[in-house]
Amino acid sequence: MSKVTSLSIGPRRRTQGGVRLTPLLRLLILTQLAFNIGFFAVLPFLSEHLGRAMGMAGWLVGFVLGLRTFSQQGLFVVGGALADRYGIRPVVLAGCVLRIVGFVWLGYAGETWAVVGAVLLIGFAAALFSPAVESEVARQAVVLEEAGGGSRTRVLALFTVAGQAGAFVGPLLGALLLAVDFRAVCLAGAGIFVCVLAGHAWLLPQHVPGRVRARGRGGLRGLLRNRRFLALCCAYGAYLLAYNQLYLALPAEVERATGSQAPLAWLLALSSLLVVSAQLPVTRWAGVRLTLRRSMAAGLLLIAAGFAVVGCARPAGWTGPAGLLPAAGFVVLLTLGQMLVAPVARAWVPDLAEEGRLGLYTGALPSVSGLIVLAGSSATGTLLDVGLPVAVPWLVLAAVPVAAVGLLPRR
């Protein structure tokens, strides 16, 4: 038996989270770690590069960031459908190639059209590989749960932890390379994905045992008629719009408070460190005490509280270390909310998806939210730019996750 084939079977190992992972699940979770190291080495510094080095207006920076999110999250449904039809291996490898090209292009882009093209390519690359990986993790987690190997939510929490560990390392790597220039950051990100591509070309199984591939058409029609799933998508979209403010509203607030972007990497590292250290305990606690719906509702309310902290503090005009305290409070509350929302939303999808269409539904979850982020990011950029009272943009953003609680489907 070859190494490639044997990855999909073999003994399970018990993790600290009390879940017995198969070799394939371990590979997919490590995949998320590698993806995020490469991605987050670049993304946190993009808005500052566009605004300061390239002189883009705030609304255009917001639009470009929203376009990146839309080309990624908005097109997840395409990558998910392709994974359902052709399997995860070709889709993941193609996405890695496109991400490499996109990062190199971004590093050398000197005009707006080139930046937009590179950002679209970077986003579409993730639209290929991310839903393929996430849907297979969700499917394997359900199989594991049915076999008594552990809760699917805990498996998806481990997946989140791996992603956040990458999000912790990535900005620190990017901050070090930024001392050279932004191009060095982009080329380092591309180099990481070259390593990911080579590793997965060797290790990712050609065929996953037990995987049912979608046949025929009609999956999208059934999805659009699934009101409970669409309600989940809208609520998740509000969360994603809030999360996107780590890269739009937060950099502006850090710059205002300190006159520098240097603390941004540390605040993002704080977010990732919280997830890495607390995600599994939070997931265990929520799994015992809260339903899926109540867990997501609690997470959305914590996120709203994070925006409200900054909104209430802004009129005081604090600067220096004291000025960073509301931003740190925002990061902590947003991260706690994320720990409740993200794994639960992913764990909910298999219950709502049609058989053989898990990739499509997994992709559609962020695709719908990507539409919300595309519109919301441009609106947020305008809110931050038009000279409204300083508390207003943050309080408006706080209202979005509160409203989303009412959208959550009933189980």
Protein backbone atom coordinates (compact mmCIF):
# COMPACT_ATOMS: atom_id res chain seq x y z
CA MET A 1 0.00 0.00 0.00
CA SER A 2 1.40 3.42 -0.96
CA LYS A 3 1.89 6.28 1.44
CA VAL A 4 -0.73 8.31 -0.40
CA THR A 5 -3.42 5.70 -0.02
CA SER A 6 -2.61 4.89 3.58
CA LEU A 7 -3.28 8.46 4.68
CA SER A 8 -7.01 7.87 4.53
CA ILE A 9 -6.96 4.93 6.94
CA GLY A 10 -4.85 3.74 9.82
CA PRO A 11 -5.00 4.10 13.59
CA ARG A 12 -6.58 7.04 15.31
CA ARG A 13 -4.74 9.08 17.91
CA ARG A 14 -6.37 10.73 20.88
CA THR A 15 -5.72 14.46 21.08
CA GLN A 16 -5.84 16.80 24.08
CA GLY A 17 -9.36 17.70 23.05
CA GLY A 18 -10.51 14.11 23.62
CA VAL A 19 -10.94 13.42 19.87
CA ARG A 20 -9.35 10.48 18.03
CA LEU A 21 -8.05 11.82 14.72
CA THR A 22 -7.47 9.73 11.61
CA PRO A 23 -4.30 10.37 9.56
CA LEU A 24 -6.37 12.20 6.92
CA LEU A 25 -7.87 14.53 9.53
CA ARG A 26 -4.41 15.27 10.90
CA LEU A 27 -3.19 16.18 7.41
CA LEU A 28 -6.18 18.43 6.74
CA ILE A 29 -5.81 20.22 10.06
CA LEU A 30 -2.09 20.80 9.41
CA THR A 31 -3.09 22.05 5.96
CA GLN A 32 -5.14 24.81 7.57
CA LEU A 33 -2.14 25.76 9.70
CA ALA A 34 0.12 26.12 6.65
CA PHE A 35 -2.50 27.99 4.62
CA ASN A 36 -2.93 30.61 7.32
CA ILE A 37 0.77 31.16 7.95
CA GLY A 38 1.21 32.12 4.29
CA PHE A 39 -1.99 34.14 4.09
CA PHE A 40 -1.67 36.12 7.32
CA ALA A 41 1.94 37.01 6.62
CA VAL A 42 0.50 39.34 3.95
CA LEU A 43 -3.12 40.33 4.65
CA PRO A 44 -2.77 42.39 7.87
CA PHE A 45 -0.40 44.81 6.13
CA LEU A 46 -2.34 45.18 2.89
CA SER A 47 -4.61 48.08 3.90
CA GLU A 48 -1.68 50.18 5.11
CA HIS A 49 0.26 49.43 1.92
CA LEU A 50 -2.70 50.44 -0.25
CA GLY A 51 -3.43 53.60 1.72
CA ARG A 52 0.05 54.92 2.47
CA ALA A 53 2.38 53.48 -0.17
CA MET A 54 -0.13 53.60 -3.06
CA GLY A 55 -2.22 56.58 -1.89
CA MET A 56 -5.65 54.98 -2.27
CA ALA A 57 -8.68 56.69 -0.70
CA GLY A 58 -10.32 55.01 2.29
CA TRP A 59 -13.39 53.91 0.33
CA LEU A 60 -11.17 52.33 -2.34
CA VAL A 61 -9.08 50.50 0.26
CA GLY A 62 -12.31 49.19 1.81
CA PHE A 63 -13.58 48.15 -1.61
CA VAL A 64 -10.35 46.30 -2.47
CA LEU A 65 -10.41 44.46 0.87
CA GLY A 66 -14.08 43.63 0.36
CA LEU A 67 -13.33 42.47 -3.17
CA ARG A 68 -10.65 40.16 -1.81
CA THR A 69 -13.12 38.73 0.68
CA PHE A 70 -15.84 38.37 -1.95
CA SER A 71 -13.54 36.70 -4.48
CA GLN A 72 -12.62 34.27 -1.72
CA GLN A 73 -15.69 33.79 0.44
CA GLY A 74 -18.13 34.74 -2.32
CA LEU A 75 -16.78 32.08 -4.67
CA PHE A 76 -16.41 29.32 -2.09
CA VAL A 77 -19.57 27.85 -3.57
CA VAL A 78 -17.65 27.25 -6.83
CA GLY A 79 -14.77 25.52 -5.07
CA GLY A 80 -17.17 23.47 -2.97
CA ALA A 81 -19.13 22.31 -6.01
CA LEU A 82 -15.90 21.36 -7.81
CA ALA A 83 -14.75 19.39 -4.77
CA ASP A 84 -18.07 17.53 -4.71
CA ARG A 85 -17.64 16.61 -8.37
CA TYR A 86 -13.91 15.94 -8.74
CA GLY A 87 -12.61 15.29 -5.23
CA ILE A 88 -10.41 17.45 -3.05
CA ARG A 89 -6.92 16.74 -4.46
CA PRO A 90 -7.09 18.54 -7.86
CA VAL A 91 -9.01 21.46 -6.39
CA VAL A 92 -6.54 21.98 -3.53
CA LEU A 93 -3.50 21.78 -5.81
CA ALA A 94 -4.97 24.22 -8.33
CA GLY A 95 -5.76 26.67 -5.54
CA CYS A 96 -2.18 26.54 -4.27
CA VAL A 97 -0.81 27.35 -7.74
CA LEU A 98 -3.14 30.35 -8.10
CA ARG A 99 -2.25 31.64 -4.61
CA ILE A 100 1.47 31.54 -5.49
CA VAL A 101 0.89 33.52 -8.69
CA GLY A 102 -1.37 35.99 -6.90
CA PHE A 103 1.12 36.77 -4.12
CA VAL A 104 3.98 37.29 -6.59
CA TRP A 105 1.76 39.56 -8.71
CA LEU A 106 0.69 41.59 -5.66
CA GLY A 107 4.31 42.07 -4.64
CA TYR A 108 5.11 43.69 -8.00
CA ALA A 109 1.76 45.50 -8.55
CA GLY A 110 2.23 49.25 -8.86
CA GLU A 111 -1.16 50.36 -10.18
CA THR A 112 -4.73 49.97 -8.98
CA TRP A 113 -5.78 47.60 -11.78
CA ALA A 114 -2.83 45.31 -11.00
CA VAL A 115 -3.63 45.28 -7.29
CA VAL A 116 -7.26 44.42 -8.06
CA GLY A 117 -6.21 41.58 -10.38
CA ALA A 118 -3.77 40.15 -7.84
CA VAL A 119 -6.29 40.42 -5.02
CA LEU A 120 -8.95 38.66 -7.11
CA LEU A 121 -6.53 35.83 -7.90
CA ILE A 122 -5.49 35.48 -4.25
CA GLY A 123 -9.12 35.32 -3.19
CA PHE A 124 -10.17 32.85 -5.88
CA ALA A 125 -7.28 30.56 -4.95
CA ALA A 126 -8.71 30.23 -1.46
CA ALA A 127 -12.17 29.76 -2.98
CA LEU A 128 -10.78 26.59 -4.51
CA PHE A 129 -8.77 25.00 -1.72
CA SER A 130 -10.55 26.15 1.45
CA PRO A 131 -14.05 24.67 0.86
CA ALA A 132 -12.47 21.45 -0.39
CA VAL A 133 -10.50 21.09 2.83
CA GLU A 134 -13.26 22.36 5.14
CA SER A 135 -15.98 20.14 3.67
CA GLU A 136 -13.78 17.06 3.95
CA VAL A 137 -12.93 17.93 7.57
CA ALA A 138 -16.65 18.29 8.30
CA ARG A 139 -17.47 14.99 6.57
CA GLN A 140 -14.70 13.14 8.37
CA ALA A 141 -15.79 14.74 11.66
CA VAL A 142 -19.34 13.42 11.22
CA VAL A 143 -17.99 9.94 10.40
CA LEU A 144 -15.78 10.09 13.49
CA GLU A 145 -18.68 11.22 15.69
CA GLU A 146 -20.92 8.41 14.43
CA ALA A 147 -18.13 5.92 15.19
CA GLY A 148 -17.82 7.23 18.74
CA GLY A 149 -14.49 8.96 18.12
CA GLY A 150 -15.51 12.37 19.48
CA SER A 151 -17.74 15.38 18.91
CA ARG A 152 -17.78 16.90 15.45
CA THR A 153 -17.75 20.37 17.00
CA ARG A 154 -14.50 19.55 18.81
CA VAL A 155 -12.90 18.35 15.57
CA LEU A 156 -13.89 21.60 13.90
CA ALA A 157 -12.62 23.49 16.95
CA LEU A 158 -9.23 21.80 16.43
CA PHE A 159 -9.41 22.92 12.81
CA THR A 160 -10.04 26.47 14.02
CA VAL A 161 -7.13 26.26 16.47
CA ALA A 162 -4.79 25.18 13.67
CA GLY A 163 -5.97 28.08 11.55
CA GLN A 164 -5.46 30.55 14.35
CA ALA A 165 -2.01 29.17 15.12
CA GLY A 166 -1.19 30.02 11.52
CA ALA A 167 -2.80 33.42 11.96
CA PHE A 168 -0.56 33.93 15.02
CA VAL A 169 2.69 33.07 13.26
CA GLY A 170 1.83 34.74 9.95
CA PRO A 171 1.60 38.39 11.09
CA LEU A 172 4.79 38.06 13.13
CA LEU A 173 6.61 36.74 10.07
CA GLY A 174 5.10 39.53 7.97
CA ALA A 175 6.10 42.19 10.50
CA LEU A 176 9.71 41.01 10.39
CA LEU A 177 9.78 41.02 6.58
CA LEU A 178 8.05 44.40 6.41
CA ALA A 179 11.33 45.88 7.64
CA VAL A 180 12.59 45.06 4.13
CA ASP A 181 9.49 46.01 2.12
CA PHE A 182 5.97 44.84 1.26
CA ARG A 183 7.27 42.90 -1.74
CA ALA A 184 9.41 40.74 0.55
CA VAL A 185 6.28 39.93 2.57
CA CYS A 186 4.39 38.86 -0.56
CA LEU A 187 7.25 36.73 -1.87
CA ALA A 188 7.58 35.00 1.51
CA GLY A 189 3.86 34.21 1.42
CA ALA A 190 4.29 32.77 -2.07
CA GLY A 191 7.23 30.69 -0.88
CA ILE A 192 5.16 29.14 1.89
CA PHE A 193 2.52 28.08 -0.63
CA VAL A 194 5.21 26.56 -2.85
CA CYS A 195 6.06 24.31 0.10
CA VAL A 196 2.36 23.56 0.68
CA LEU A 197 1.90 22.67 -2.99
CA ALA A 198 4.88 20.29 -2.98
CA GLY A 199 3.80 18.61 0.25
CA HIS A 200 0.22 18.07 -0.86
CA ALA A 201 1.18 16.83 -4.29
CA TRP A 202 2.98 14.03 -2.41
CA LEU A 203 0.73 13.40 0.58
CA LEU A 204 -2.89 14.19 -0.33
CA PRO A 205 -4.83 11.00 -1.22
CA GLN A 206 -5.96 10.50 -4.81
CA HIS A 207 -9.27 9.09 -3.54
CA VAL A 208 -10.89 9.31 -0.11
CA PRO A 209 -12.69 6.06 0.89
CA GLY A 210 -16.40 6.48 1.49
CA ARG A 211 -16.63 9.88 -0.18
CA VAL A 212 -19.80 10.22 -2.31
CA ARG A 213 -19.30 12.48 -5.29
CA ALA A 214 -22.17 14.60 -6.54
CA ARG A 215 -23.81 13.46 -9.76
CA GLY A 216 -25.94 15.54 -12.07
CA ARG A 217 -27.29 19.03 -11.50
CA GLY A 218 -29.84 20.64 -9.24
CA GLY A 219 -27.83 21.08 -6.08
CA LEU A 220 -27.90 24.88 -6.24
CA ARG A 221 -31.67 24.92 -6.71
CA GLY A 222 -32.21 22.86 -3.58
CA LEU A 223 -29.79 25.04 -1.66
CA LEU A 224 -31.66 28.23 -2.61
CA ARG A 225 -34.88 26.68 -1.32
CA ASN A 226 -33.33 25.69 2.01
CA ARG A 227 -34.52 28.55 4.22
CA ARG A 228 -32.88 27.30 7.40
CA PHE A 229 -29.51 27.06 5.70
CA LEU A 230 -29.86 30.53 4.13
CA ALA A 231 -30.74 31.97 7.54
CA LEU A 232 -27.55 30.45 8.94
CA CYS A 233 -25.60 31.98 6.03
CA CYS A 234 -26.94 35.47 6.75
CA ALA A 235 -26.08 35.26 10.45
CA TYR A 236 -22.62 33.96 9.61
CA GLY A 237 -22.23 36.82 7.14
CA ALA A 238 -22.75 39.34 9.93
CA TYR A 239 -20.01 37.61 11.92
CA LEU A 240 -17.64 37.66 8.94
CA LEU A 241 -18.28 41.37 8.33
CA ALA A 242 -17.38 42.02 11.97
CA TYR A 243 -14.27 39.84 11.72
CA ASN A 244 -13.16 41.71 8.60
CA GLN A 245 -12.81 44.86 10.72
CA LEU A 246 -9.58 43.41 12.11
CA TYR A 247 -8.14 44.47 8.74
CA LEU A 248 -10.07 47.69 8.09
CA ALA A 249 -11.37 49.48 11.21
CA LEU A 250 -8.74 48.15 13.63
CA PRO A 251 -5.69 49.32 11.60
CA ALA A 252 -7.23 52.81 11.40
CA GLU A 253 -7.81 52.84 15.17
CA VAL A 254 -4.27 51.63 15.91
CA GLU A 255 -2.82 54.28 13.61
CA ARG A 256 -4.91 56.98 15.32
CA ALA A 257 -3.93 55.89 18.82
CA THR A 258 -0.19 55.37 18.29
CA GLY A 259 0.75 56.94 14.96
CA SER A 260 2.13 53.57 13.85
CA GLN A 261 1.00 50.19 12.51
CA ALA A 262 3.56 48.30 14.61
CA PRO A 263 1.11 47.35 17.42
CA LEU A 264 -1.29 45.82 14.89
CA ALA A 265 0.74 42.63 14.51
CA TRP A 266 0.73 42.17 18.28
CA LEU A 267 -3.03 42.68 18.55
CA LEU A 268 -3.60 40.12 15.79
CA ALA A 269 -1.16 37.78 17.52
CA LEU A 270 -3.18 38.26 20.74
CA SER A 271 -6.31 37.16 18.89
CA SER A 272 -4.63 34.06 17.52
CA LEU A 273 -3.04 33.19 20.86
CA LEU A 274 -6.43 33.38 22.57
CA VAL A 275 -7.93 30.98 20.06
CA VAL A 276 -5.01 28.57 20.27
CA SER A 277 -5.11 28.50 24.07
CA ALA A 278 -8.84 28.78 24.78
CA GLN A 279 -10.76 27.41 21.76
CA LEU A 280 -10.99 23.83 22.98
CA PRO A 281 -12.03 24.69 26.57
CA VAL A 282 -14.62 27.15 25.24
CA THR A 283 -15.95 24.54 22.81
CA ARG A 284 -16.21 21.91 25.57
CA TRP A 285 -18.02 24.38 27.84
CA ALA A 286 -20.44 25.47 25.12
CA GLY A 287 -21.09 21.88 24.03
CA VAL A 288 -22.28 20.98 27.53
CA ARG A 289 -24.30 24.12 28.32
CA LEU A 290 -25.48 25.61 25.04
CA THR A 291 -27.34 24.49 21.94
CA LEU A 292 -25.88 25.36 18.57
CA ARG A 293 -28.23 28.31 18.24
CA ARG A 294 -27.52 29.69 21.71
CA SER A 295 -23.78 29.32 21.19
CA MET A 296 -23.91 31.39 18.00
CA ALA A 297 -26.17 33.98 19.61
CA ALA A 298 -23.81 34.38 22.56
CA GLY A 299 -20.87 34.74 20.20
CA LEU A 300 -22.58 37.45 18.13
CA LEU A 301 -23.45 39.42 21.27
CA LEU A 302 -19.84 39.26 22.47
CA ILE A 303 -18.71 40.61 19.10
CA ALA A 304 -21.19 43.47 19.38
CA ALA A 305 -19.83 44.27 22.83
CA GLY A 306 -16.32 44.53 21.36
CA PHE A 307 -17.39 47.23 18.91
CA ALA A 308 -19.31 49.02 21.66
CA VAL A 309 -16.17 49.18 23.85
CA VAL A 310 -14.28 51.16 21.20
CA GLY A 311 -17.34 53.26 20.36
CA CYS A 312 -17.79 54.30 23.98
CA ALA A 313 -14.08 55.05 24.45
CA ARG A 314 -13.49 57.01 21.22
CA PRO A 315 -14.93 60.35 22.42
CA ALA A 316 -12.24 60.44 25.13
CA GLY A 317 -9.57 60.59 22.40
CA TRP A 318 -6.99 58.52 24.32
CA THR A 319 -3.62 58.04 22.62
CA GLY A 320 -0.46 56.08 23.36
CA PRO A 321 -0.65 52.86 25.41
CA ALA A 322 -3.96 53.96 26.98
CA GLY A 323 -5.38 54.50 23.49
CA LEU A 324 -4.67 50.86 22.65
CA LEU A 325 -6.72 49.49 25.55
CA PRO A 326 -10.13 49.80 23.81
CA ALA A 327 -8.64 48.21 20.68
CA ALA A 328 -7.29 45.35 22.80
CA GLY A 329 -10.72 44.96 24.42
CA PHE A 330 -12.29 44.84 20.96
CA VAL A 331 -9.86 42.12 19.84
CA VAL A 332 -10.48 40.01 22.95
CA LEU A 333 -14.29 40.20 22.75
CA LEU A 334 -14.33 39.65 18.99
CA THR A 335 -12.09 36.61 19.42
CA LEU A 336 -14.25 35.14 22.18
CA GLY A 337 -17.28 35.60 19.95
CA GLN A 338 -15.46 33.97 17.07
CA MET A 339 -14.65 30.93 19.23
CA LEU A 340 -18.36 30.41 19.81
CA VAL A 341 -19.58 31.20 16.28
CA ALA A 342 -17.13 29.69 13.79
CA PRO A 343 -16.90 25.99 14.84
CA VAL A 344 -20.62 25.80 15.56
CA ALA A 345 -21.61 27.22 12.17
CA ARG A 346 -19.40 24.68 10.40
CA ALA A 347 -20.71 21.84 12.57
CA TRP A 348 -24.29 22.86 11.74
CA VAL A 349 -23.85 22.63 7.95
CA PRO A 350 -23.81 18.80 7.61
CA ASP A 351 -27.25 18.67 9.27
CA LEU A 352 -28.66 21.03 6.63
CA ALA A 353 -26.84 19.80 3.49
CA GLU A 354 -28.13 17.35 0.87
CA GLU A 355 -26.31 14.04 0.56
CA GLY A 356 -23.27 14.32 -1.70
CA ARG A 357 -23.46 18.14 -1.64
CA LEU A 358 -21.53 18.95 1.52
CA GLY A 359 -18.84 20.79 -0.45
CA LEU A 360 -21.47 22.95 -2.13
CA TYR A 361 -23.11 23.83 1.19
CA THR A 362 -19.79 24.35 2.95
CA GLY A 363 -18.80 26.72 0.15
CA ALA A 364 -22.15 28.49 0.11
CA LEU A 365 -21.89 29.39 3.81
CA PRO A 366 -19.03 31.86 3.26
CA SER A 367 -20.20 32.75 -0.27
CA VAL A 368 -23.39 34.37 0.99
CA SER A 369 -21.43 36.07 3.75
CA GLY A 370 -18.92 37.27 1.14
CA LEU A 371 -21.69 39.24 -0.56
CA ILE A 372 -22.49 40.87 2.77
CA VAL A 373 -18.82 41.70 3.37
CA LEU A 374 -18.39 43.16 -0.14
CA ALA A 375 -21.18 45.67 0.47
CA GLY A 376 -20.39 46.16 4.13
CA SER A 377 -16.65 46.79 3.71
CA SER A 378 -17.21 49.65 1.28
CA ALA A 379 -19.84 51.10 3.62
CA THR A 380 -17.44 50.73 6.57
CA GLY A 381 -14.65 52.47 4.67
CA THR A 382 -17.04 55.34 3.98
CA LEU A 383 -18.14 55.47 7.64
CA LEU A 384 -14.53 55.76 8.74
CA ASP A 385 -13.77 58.44 6.14
CA VAL A 386 -16.69 60.90 6.06
CA GLY A 387 -16.11 62.66 9.36
CA LEU A 388 -19.01 61.36 11.44
CA PRO A 389 -18.85 61.66 15.23
CA VAL A 390 -16.04 59.33 16.28
CA ALA A 391 -18.26 56.85 18.15
CA VAL A 392 -20.83 56.42 15.36
CA PRO A 393 -18.97 53.98 13.01
CA TRP A 394 -18.19 51.61 15.89
CA LEU A 395 -21.71 51.71 17.30
CA VAL A 396 -23.20 51.10 13.86
CA LEU A 397 -20.91 48.08 13.51
CA ALA A 398 -22.01 46.90 16.97
CA ALA A 399 -25.64 46.86 15.81
CA VAL A 400 -24.94 44.43 12.95
CA PRO A 401 -24.20 41.26 15.01
CA VAL A 402 -27.03 42.13 17.40
CA ALA A 403 -29.47 42.16 14.47
CA ALA A 404 -28.00 38.89 13.21
CA VAL A 405 -29.08 37.03 16.35
CA GLY A 406 -32.68 37.24 15.13
CA LEU A 407 -31.70 35.58 11.85
CA LEU A 408 -30.44 32.34 13.40
CA PRO A 409 -32.50 29.31 12.36
CA ARG A 410 -34.39 27.27 14.90
CA ARG A 411 -33.12 23.74 15.29
